[in-house]
């Protein structure tokens, strides 16, 4: 077998390997369903509806009950706040309105009749997104209400040359359930698909292209093949 044939066979083998990728399971949301997991920035969550996180400083008031109202409550490492009667309440992952309703339920079950609870986030702790996979500088980066998927990948110094942009995953916990959404960065870059909002606690993973990797390996081996070709 001549060396040009070897090169062609090597590239063909890489292409075949790329076709044998593991299929995406049904738990991964795609297309319109992906935006149900991670809505576009145009449908972005406002600070009032964003999930409460660990370290957030909250204020809590119960109408007509000054002894149950607090100007400062800090969400602990377990995502909980402590208050009389209601006890330890997990509020992380809930919006302020959802947390208010939860505490209303707890107080109304045994202690108060039709309690009215209002929770506000006074100071939000700094939140981060983890960007992994085929990016040039994987790591954790700070996010705010205007952070998008493209922005998160940009903070990680962009995808590598062997990234599979159509296999960009966003992992997010929604109502206590871990969910995954798949997006195509190429389509988002071109404005075909909207850019999803990224929240603190998200994990972004940029996929790996076996085809690009195989092609790159062939190019790296080409100088070696040229040496043999010159000798033969």
C-alpha atoms as a PDB file:
ATOM      1  CA  UNK A   1       0.000   0.000   0.000  1.00  0.00           C
ATOM      2  CA  UNK A   2       1.439   3.380  -0.993  1.00  0.00           C
ATOM      3  CA  UNK A   3       1.614   6.156   1.560  1.00  0.00           C
ATOM      4  CA  UNK A   4      -0.994   8.417  -0.105  1.00  0.00           C
ATOM      5  CA  UNK A   5      -3.332   5.464   0.194  1.00  0.00           C
ATOM      6  CA  UNK A   6      -2.407   5.121   3.860  1.00  0.00           C
ATOM      7  CA  UNK A   7      -3.302   8.778   4.427  1.00  0.00           C
ATOM      8  CA  UNK A   8      -6.638   8.339   2.715  1.00  0.00           C
ATOM      9  CA  UNK A   9      -7.345   5.174   4.699  1.00  0.00           C
ATOM     10  CA  UNK A  10      -6.429   6.902   7.945  1.00  0.00           C
ATOM     11  CA  UNK A  11      -8.788   9.791   7.252  1.00  0.00           C
ATOM     12  CA  UNK A  12     -11.557   7.387   6.196  1.00  0.00           C
ATOM     13  CA  UNK A  13     -11.100   5.489   9.459  1.00  0.00           C
ATOM     14  CA  UNK A  14     -11.447   8.732  11.422  1.00  0.00           C
ATOM     15  CA  UNK A  15     -14.609   9.598   9.504  1.00  0.00           C
ATOM     16  CA  UNK A  16     -16.123   6.220  10.259  1.00  0.00           C
ATOM     17  CA  UNK A  17     -15.290   6.628  13.942  1.00  0.00           C
ATOM     18  CA  UNK A  18     -17.051   9.993  13.940  1.00  0.00           C
ATOM     19  CA  UNK A  19     -20.197   8.357  12.603  1.00  0.00           C
ATOM     20  CA  UNK A  20     -20.214   5.928  15.506  1.00  0.00           C
ATOM     21  CA  UNK A  21     -20.974   8.548  18.147  1.00  0.00           C
ATOM     22  CA  UNK A  22     -23.097   7.620  21.108  1.00  0.00           C
ATOM     23  CA  UNK A  23     -26.725   8.582  20.443  1.00  0.00           C
ATOM     24  CA  UNK A  24     -28.239  11.321  22.542  1.00  0.00           C
ATOM     25  CA  UNK A  25     -30.616   9.855  25.083  1.00  0.00           C
ATOM     26  CA  UNK A  26     -34.256  10.886  25.364  1.00  0.00           C
ATOM     27  CA  UNK A  27     -33.479  12.824  28.539  1.00  0.00           C
ATOM     28  CA  UNK A  28     -31.664  15.475  26.472  1.00  0.00           C
ATOM     29  CA  UNK A  29     -34.015  18.245  25.325  1.00  0.00           C
ATOM     30  CA  UNK A  30     -33.471  19.500  21.772  1.00  0.00           C
ATOM     31  CA  UNK A  31     -35.046  22.086  19.484  1.00  0.00           C
ATOM     32  CA  UNK A  32     -37.965  23.956  21.018  1.00  0.00           C
ATOM     33  CA  UNK A  33     -37.846  21.685  24.084  1.00  0.00           C
ATOM     34  CA  UNK A  34     -34.295  22.852  24.810  1.00  0.00           C
ATOM     35  CA  UNK A  35     -35.604  26.396  25.285  1.00  0.00           C
ATOM     36  CA  UNK A  36     -38.079  25.110  27.869  1.00  0.00           C
ATOM     37  CA  UNK A  37     -35.060  24.097  29.949  1.00  0.00           C
ATOM     38  CA  UNK A  38     -32.946  27.184  29.171  1.00  0.00           C
ATOM     39  CA  UNK A  39     -35.114  30.003  27.760  1.00  0.00           C
ATOM     40  CA  UNK A  40     -33.638  32.557  25.370  1.00  0.00           C
ATOM     41  CA  UNK A  41     -32.216  35.812  26.677  1.00  0.00           C
ATOM     42  CA  UNK A  42     -35.236  37.608  25.201  1.00  0.00           C
ATOM     43  CA  UNK A  43     -37.339  35.622  27.676  1.00  0.00           C
ATOM     44  CA  UNK A  44     -34.751  36.085  30.410  1.00  0.00           C
ATOM     45  CA  UNK A  45     -35.604  35.708  34.033  1.00  0.00           C
ATOM     46  CA  UNK A  46     -35.601  39.004  35.900  1.00  0.00           C
ATOM     47  CA  UNK A  47     -33.853  39.248  39.272  1.00  0.00           C
ATOM     48  CA  UNK A  48     -37.286  38.997  40.886  1.00  0.00           C
ATOM     49  CA  UNK A  49     -37.930  35.624  39.280  1.00  0.00           C
ATOM     50  CA  UNK A  50     -34.368  34.263  39.289  1.00  0.00           C
ATOM     51  CA  UNK A  51     -33.706  31.305  41.582  1.00  0.00           C
ATOM     52  CA  UNK A  52     -32.481  32.016  45.093  1.00  0.00           C
ATOM     53  CA  UNK A  53     -28.953  30.743  45.608  1.00  0.00           C
ATOM     54  CA  UNK A  54     -26.606  29.786  48.415  1.00  0.00           C
ATOM     55  CA  UNK A  55     -25.193  32.879  50.097  1.00  0.00           C
ATOM     56  CA  UNK A  56     -28.003  35.199  48.999  1.00  0.00           C
ATOM     57  CA  UNK A  57     -29.115  37.721  51.603  1.00  0.00           C
ATOM     58  CA  UNK A  58     -32.911  37.841  51.879  1.00  0.00           C
ATOM     59  CA  UNK A  59     -35.482  39.922  53.685  1.00  0.00           C
ATOM     60  CA  UNK A  60     -38.666  38.208  54.836  1.00  0.00           C
ATOM     61  CA  UNK A  61     -41.839  39.783  56.146  1.00  0.00           C
ATOM     62  CA  UNK A  62     -45.075  38.239  57.377  1.00  0.00           C
ATOM     63  CA  UNK A  63     -47.911  40.733  57.304  1.00  0.00           C
ATOM     64  CA  UNK A  64     -49.079  41.601  60.823  1.00  0.00           C
ATOM     65  CA  UNK A  65     -46.378  39.418  62.421  1.00  0.00           C
ATOM     66  CA  UNK A  66     -43.299  41.519  63.272  1.00  0.00           C
ATOM     67  CA  UNK A  67     -41.804  38.672  65.315  1.00  0.00           C
ATOM     68  CA  UNK A  68     -41.743  36.538  62.173  1.00  0.00           C
ATOM     69  CA  UNK A  69     -40.268  39.253  59.947  1.00  0.00           C
ATOM     70  CA  UNK A  70     -36.547  39.645  59.315  1.00  0.00           C
ATOM     71  CA  UNK A  71     -34.503  42.313  57.564  1.00  0.00           C
ATOM     72  CA  UNK A  72     -31.670  39.879  56.894  1.00  0.00           C
ATOM     73  CA  UNK A  73     -31.648  36.129  56.362  1.00  0.00           C
ATOM     74  CA  UNK A  74     -28.674  34.483  54.662  1.00  0.00           C
ATOM     75  CA  UNK A  75     -29.176  31.269  52.710  1.00  0.00           C
ATOM     76  CA  UNK A  76     -26.816  28.688  54.200  1.00  0.00           C
ATOM     77  CA  UNK A  77     -24.598  26.186  52.367  1.00  0.00           C
ATOM     78  CA  UNK A  78     -27.451  23.678  52.324  1.00  0.00           C
ATOM     79  CA  UNK A  79     -29.697  26.218  50.575  1.00  0.00           C
ATOM     80  CA  UNK A  80     -31.862  26.755  53.663  1.00  0.00           C
ATOM     81  CA  UNK A  81     -33.039  29.584  55.895  1.00  0.00           C
ATOM     82  CA  UNK A  82     -34.087  29.280  59.522  1.00  0.00           C
ATOM     83  CA  UNK A  83     -37.165  30.997  60.939  1.00  0.00           C
ATOM     84  CA  UNK A  84     -39.459  30.522  63.939  1.00  0.00           C
ATOM     85  CA  UNK A  85     -42.422  28.163  63.523  1.00  0.00           C
ATOM     86  CA  UNK A  86     -41.516  27.259  59.940  1.00  0.00           C
ATOM     87  CA  UNK A  87     -38.143  25.885  61.023  1.00  0.00           C
ATOM     88  CA  UNK A  88     -35.506  25.023  58.420  1.00  0.00           C
ATOM     89  CA  UNK A  89     -36.805  25.764  54.937  1.00  0.00           C
ATOM     90  CA  UNK A  90     -34.957  24.977  51.709  1.00  0.00           C
ATOM     91  CA  UNK A  91     -35.323  27.973  49.404  1.00  0.00           C
ATOM     92  CA  UNK A  92     -32.398  27.597  47.010  1.00  0.00           C
ATOM     93  CA  UNK A  93     -33.553  26.941  43.481  1.00  0.00           C
ATOM     94  CA  UNK A  94     -36.897  28.665  44.126  1.00  0.00           C
ATOM     95  CA  UNK A  95     -37.853  32.145  42.998  1.00  0.00           C
ATOM     96  CA  UNK A  96     -38.657  34.616  45.806  1.00  0.00           C
ATOM     97  CA  UNK A  97     -42.379  34.240  44.989  1.00  0.00           C
ATOM     98  CA  UNK A  98     -42.162  30.427  45.148  1.00  0.00           C
ATOM     99  CA  UNK A  99     -40.261  30.570  48.444  1.00  0.00           C
ATOM    100  CA  UNK A 100     -42.882  32.958  49.846  1.00  0.00           C
ATOM    101  CA  UNK A 101     -45.687  30.543  48.968  1.00  0.00           C
ATOM    102  CA  UNK A 102     -43.782  27.634  50.500  1.00  0.00           C
ATOM    103  CA  UNK A 103     -43.408  29.440  53.827  1.00  0.00           C
ATOM    104  CA  UNK A 104     -47.042  30.556  53.696  1.00  0.00           C
ATOM    105  CA  UNK A 105     -48.014  26.897  53.412  1.00  0.00           C
ATOM    106  CA  UNK A 106     -45.816  25.884  56.338  1.00  0.00           C
ATOM    107  CA  UNK A 107     -47.111  28.671  58.578  1.00  0.00           C
ATOM    108  CA  UNK A 108     -50.707  28.133  57.512  1.00  0.00           C
ATOM    109  CA  UNK A 109     -50.701  24.412  58.246  1.00  0.00           C
ATOM    110  CA  UNK A 110     -50.547  24.860  62.030  1.00  0.00           C
ATOM    111  CA  UNK A 111     -49.911  28.378  63.191  1.00  0.00           C
ATOM    112  CA  UNK A 112     -51.455  31.224  61.206  1.00  0.00           C
ATOM    113  CA  UNK A 113     -54.641  31.762  59.257  1.00  0.00           C
ATOM    114  CA  UNK A 114     -54.019  32.968  55.704  1.00  0.00           C
ATOM    115  CA  UNK A 115     -50.444  34.209  56.283  1.00  0.00           C
ATOM    116  CA  UNK A 116     -49.044  36.641  53.725  1.00  0.00           C
ATOM    117  CA  UNK A 117     -45.294  36.261  53.249  1.00  0.00           C
ATOM    118  CA  UNK A 118     -43.031  38.431  51.124  1.00  0.00           C
ATOM    119  CA  UNK A 119     -39.423  37.510  50.369  1.00  0.00           C
ATOM    120  CA  UNK A 120     -36.967  39.757  48.572  1.00  0.00           C
ATOM    121  CA  UNK A 121     -33.327  39.228  47.608  1.00  0.00           C
ATOM    122  CA  UNK A 122     -31.433  42.134  49.142  1.00  0.00           C
ATOM    123  CA  UNK A 123     -27.982  41.051  47.986  1.00  0.00           C
ATOM    124  CA  UNK A 124     -27.355  38.170  45.604  1.00  0.00           C
ATOM    125  CA  UNK A 125     -24.181  36.172  46.137  1.00  0.00           C
ATOM    126  CA  UNK A 126     -21.893  35.991  43.112  1.00  0.00           C
ATOM    127  CA  UNK A 127     -22.933  33.075  40.912  1.00  0.00           C
ATOM    128  CA  UNK A 128     -20.904  31.037  38.481  1.00  0.00           C
ATOM    129  CA  UNK A 129     -21.292  28.849  35.408  1.00  0.00           C
ATOM    130  CA  UNK A 130     -18.913  25.962  34.775  1.00  0.00           C
ATOM    131  CA  UNK A 131     -17.769  25.736  31.135  1.00  0.00           C
ATOM    132  CA  UNK A 132     -16.197  22.413  30.174  1.00  0.00           C
ATOM    133  CA  UNK A 133     -15.386  20.249  27.168  1.00  0.00           C
ATOM    134  CA  UNK A 134     -13.884  21.565  23.952  1.00  0.00           C
ATOM    135  CA  UNK A 135     -13.103  25.131  25.001  1.00  0.00           C
ATOM    136  CA  UNK A 136      -9.687  26.724  25.236  1.00  0.00           C
ATOM    137  CA  UNK A 137      -9.886  27.566  28.930  1.00  0.00           C
ATOM    138  CA  UNK A 138     -12.342  25.445  30.910  1.00  0.00           C
ATOM    139  CA  UNK A 139     -13.351  26.781  34.309  1.00  0.00           C
ATOM    140  CA  UNK A 140     -15.942  28.567  36.418  1.00  0.00           C
ATOM    141  CA  UNK A 141     -16.995  32.067  35.346  1.00  0.00           C
ATOM    142  CA  UNK A 142     -19.256  34.673  36.999  1.00  0.00           C
ATOM    143  CA  UNK A 143     -22.700  35.203  35.508  1.00  0.00           C
ATOM    144  CA  UNK A 144     -25.367  37.860  35.767  1.00  0.00           C
ATOM    145  CA  UNK A 145     -28.861  38.340  34.386  1.00  0.00           C
ATOM    146  CA  UNK A 146     -27.520  39.196  30.912  1.00  0.00           C
ATOM    147  CA  UNK A 147     -25.165  36.222  30.492  1.00  0.00           C
ATOM    148  CA  UNK A 148     -25.922  34.047  27.456  1.00  0.00           C
ATOM    149  CA  UNK A 149     -24.610  30.736  26.152  1.00  0.00           C
ATOM    150  CA  UNK A 150     -22.396  32.482  23.594  1.00  0.00           C
ATOM    151  CA  UNK A 151     -21.131  34.773  26.336  1.00  0.00           C
ATOM    152  CA  UNK A 152     -20.282  31.860  28.630  1.00  0.00           C
ATOM    153  CA  UNK A 153     -18.342  30.061  25.882  1.00  0.00           C
ATOM    154  CA  UNK A 154     -16.579  33.325  25.029  1.00  0.00           C
ATOM    155  CA  UNK A 155     -15.431  33.693  28.641  1.00  0.00           C
ATOM    156  CA  UNK A 156     -13.840  30.258  28.266  1.00  0.00           C
ATOM    157  CA  UNK A 157     -11.829  31.721  25.345  1.00  0.00           C
ATOM    158  CA  UNK A 158     -14.008  30.177  22.624  1.00  0.00           C
ATOM    159  CA  UNK A 159     -14.327  26.594  21.338  1.00  0.00           C
ATOM    160  CA  UNK A 160     -11.308  24.586  20.236  1.00  0.00           C
ATOM    161  CA  UNK A 161     -10.728  23.620  16.602  1.00  0.00           C
ATOM    162  CA  UNK A 162     -12.089  20.129  17.217  1.00  0.00           C
ATOM    163  CA  UNK A 163     -15.259  21.271  18.993  1.00  0.00           C
ATOM    164  CA  UNK A 164     -18.591  19.942  17.760  1.00  0.00           C
ATOM    165  CA  UNK A 165     -20.664  23.088  18.107  1.00  0.00           C
ATOM    166  CA  UNK A 166     -23.954  21.313  17.380  1.00  0.00           C
ATOM    167  CA  UNK A 167     -23.380  19.248  20.540  1.00  0.00           C
ATOM    168  CA  UNK A 168     -23.263  22.050  23.104  1.00  0.00           C
ATOM    169  CA  UNK A 169     -25.037  20.975  26.283  1.00  0.00           C
ATOM    170  CA  UNK A 170     -26.471  23.042  29.111  1.00  0.00           C
ATOM    171  CA  UNK A 171     -27.018  21.166  32.388  1.00  0.00           C
ATOM    172  CA  UNK A 172     -29.483  22.860  34.736  1.00  0.00           C
ATOM    173  CA  UNK A 173     -31.461  21.965  37.848  1.00  0.00           C
ATOM    174  CA  UNK A 174     -35.135  22.853  37.375  1.00  0.00           C
ATOM    175  CA  UNK A 175     -37.496  22.388  40.334  1.00  0.00           C
ATOM    176  CA  UNK A 176     -35.000  20.031  41.932  1.00  0.00           C
ATOM    177  CA  UNK A 177     -34.614  17.899  38.786  1.00  0.00           C
ATOM    178  CA  UNK A 178     -31.416  17.720  36.754  1.00  0.00           C
ATOM    179  CA  UNK A 179     -32.114  18.494  33.099  1.00  0.00           C
ATOM    180  CA  UNK A 180     -30.031  18.743  29.924  1.00  0.00           C
ATOM    181  CA  UNK A 181     -30.606  20.859  26.817  1.00  0.00           C
ATOM    182  CA  UNK A 182     -28.668  20.616  23.563  1.00  0.00           C
ATOM    183  CA  UNK A 183     -27.949  23.683  21.426  1.00  0.00           C
ATOM    184  CA  UNK A 184     -26.143  24.373  18.140  1.00  0.00           C
ATOM    185  CA  UNK A 185     -23.675  27.227  18.619  1.00  0.00           C
ATOM    186  CA  UNK A 186     -23.308  27.648  14.857  1.00  0.00           C
ATOM    187  CA  UNK A 187     -27.018  28.373  14.449  1.00  0.00           C
ATOM    188  CA  UNK A 188     -26.995  30.712  17.449  1.00  0.00           C
ATOM    189  CA  UNK A 189     -23.972  32.603  16.089  1.00  0.00           C
ATOM    190  CA  UNK A 190     -25.752  33.104  12.764  1.00  0.00           C
ATOM    191  CA  UNK A 191     -28.892  34.363  14.493  1.00  0.00           C
ATOM    192  CA  UNK A 192     -30.969  31.401  13.284  1.00  0.00           C
ATOM    193  CA  UNK A 193     -31.640  30.239  16.845  1.00  0.00           C
ATOM    194  CA  UNK A 194     -31.969  32.510  19.890  1.00  0.00           C
ATOM    195  CA  UNK A 195     -29.193  32.707  22.456  1.00  0.00           C
ATOM    196  CA  UNK A 196     -30.291  31.067  25.745  1.00  0.00           C
ATOM    197  CA  UNK A 197     -29.799  32.758  29.097  1.00  0.00           C
ATOM    198  CA  UNK A 198     -27.225  31.141  31.386  1.00  0.00           C
ATOM    199  CA  UNK A 199     -27.887  31.048  35.129  1.00  0.00           C
ATOM    200  CA  UNK A 200     -25.645  30.534  38.124  1.00  0.00           C
ATOM    201  CA  UNK A 201     -25.128  26.833  38.787  1.00  0.00           C
ATOM    202  CA  UNK A 202     -25.423  25.877  35.108  1.00  0.00           C
ATOM    203  CA  UNK A 203     -22.829  23.610  33.522  1.00  0.00           C
ATOM    204  CA  UNK A 204     -22.011  24.151  29.834  1.00  0.00           C
ATOM    205  CA  UNK A 205     -20.219  21.362  27.944  1.00  0.00           C
ATOM    206  CA  UNK A 206     -19.012  21.903  24.377  1.00  0.00           C
ATOM    207  CA  UNK A 207     -18.891  18.626  22.463  1.00  0.00           C
ATOM    208  CA  UNK A 208     -15.997  16.858  20.734  1.00  0.00           C
ATOM    209  CA  UNK A 209     -15.815  16.223  16.984  1.00  0.00           C
ATOM    210  CA  UNK A 210     -14.075  12.941  16.205  1.00  0.00           C
ATOM    211  CA  UNK A 211     -14.057  13.819  12.501  1.00  0.00           C
ATOM    212  CA  UNK A 212     -12.167  17.088  13.081  1.00  0.00           C
ATOM    213  CA  UNK A 213      -9.824  15.332  15.484  1.00  0.00           C
ATOM    214  CA  UNK A 214      -9.046  12.610  12.932  1.00  0.00           C
ATOM    215  CA  UNK A 215      -8.412  15.180  10.205  1.00  0.00           C
ATOM    216  CA  UNK A 216      -6.112  17.137  12.492  1.00  0.00           C
ATOM    217  CA  UNK A 217      -4.166  13.963  13.345  1.00  0.00           C
ATOM    218  CA  UNK A 218      -3.716  13.224   9.653  1.00  0.00           C
ATOM    219  CA  UNK A 219      -2.389  16.735   9.022  1.00  0.00           C
ATOM    220  CA  UNK A 220       0.043  16.387  11.912  1.00  0.00           C
ATOM    221  CA  UNK A 221       1.286  13.075  10.490  1.00  0.00           C
ATOM    222  CA  UNK A 222       1.614  14.447   6.940  1.00  0.00           C
ATOM    223  CA  UNK A 223       5.237  15.668   7.355  1.00  0.00           C
ATOM    224  CA  UNK A 224       6.249  12.153   8.443  1.00  0.00           C
ATOM    225  CA  UNK A 225       4.537  10.648   5.410  1.00  0.00           C
ATOM    226  CA  UNK A 226       6.320  13.179   3.174  1.00  0.00           C
ATOM    227  CA  UNK A 227       9.689  11.967   4.457  1.00  0.00           C
ATOM    228  CA  UNK A 228       8.846   8.410   3.417  1.00  0.00           C
ATOM    229  CA  UNK A 229       7.474   9.564   0.057  1.00  0.00           C
ATOM    230  CA  UNK A 230      10.702  11.407  -0.729  1.00  0.00           C
ATOM    231  CA  UNK A 231      12.709   8.299   0.037  1.00  0.00           C
ATOM    232  CA  UNK A 232      10.553   6.049  -2.083  1.00  0.00           C
END
